[in-house]
Amino acid sequence: MSLVGTAEAATTAIDGGEIVRWGTALDWAIALTVGISALIILGIVVSLVAFRGRQTEGSALWVHLLSLGVLPLVLLAIGNFATLEYATEVQFCGSCHLTMKPYIDDLHNRSSQSLASLHAQNRFAPGTECYSCHANYGLHGTLEAKMTGLRHVYKYNTGTYHLPLKMPHPFENTLCLKCHNGAKRFMAQDIHLENGQVSEELRTSKTECVQCHGAAHDIPQVKKAATGGAWGPELWGPMSKGVWGPLLRGSMSKGRS
């Protein structure tokens, strides 16, 4: 691809989502998962067709071992990696479309001044913005994020979530500082510092980043139907079993979350 073509592709990243790319660990993991699954199926077919009536012969036993023993173990490891890695992608977060769509729309809105959109416009953690901002440091942070994600998937699919969506805990400054601490532009602001280092108020979240920098997400407010406005996304949810639509503020089922 030429430099001009690359530049043109880059300009579509915010408007239309992420740039189509190939070669990441996730791409290879998905390809290997599909390939190994195909080999397992092929091995089973070969065993049933080529070794019909001779299932206990030496060659057949090797086919059995490979297709029913070795390859499934490899598939388990690579498949789990692909699943966990894909869970860090924005498109995975957006798959719960009825609740997360307004947040993803704001993320990719070039005219939005929310922190999420500004980070996306400046290409911070492209494609993994949700995970990069909401997951904490290290292995513990990753496991915690995965467990939280599983709870979200369960609540979404069972319709047991509360509307409007709320953070279970205040957003800690450490989630911002894991990237911004030490960054040139951040450290150039005296208000962030104390004796040349990040101030204790920021490190302990006594002063929250969003107090100065505004809302993390710019989600449209609910407008009354009489004014011709659209229902806000926070009022969308399960109206009855298998039926989804706009809910009136006082019409949500008790106990539904």
Foldseek 3Di string as FASTA:
>chain_A
DDPVVVVVQVVCCLVPNHRDDDDDLLNVLVVVLVVLVVLLVVLVVCLCPVCPVNCPDPVNVVSCCVNVPVSVVVSVVSVVVNVLVVCQFPVVVCVLVLQCVLQSNQLSDCPHLAQSVVCVVVPPVGGRSVCLLQFADDPVSSVVVVVVVVVVVVLSVVQQADFPDDDPDPRALRSVCVPLFVDPVNQVDCVQDDPSGGDPCNNGVVPPPCVPRPHNGDFDDADDVVVVDDGGSSQWTDPDVPDIDGHDPPRDDPSGD
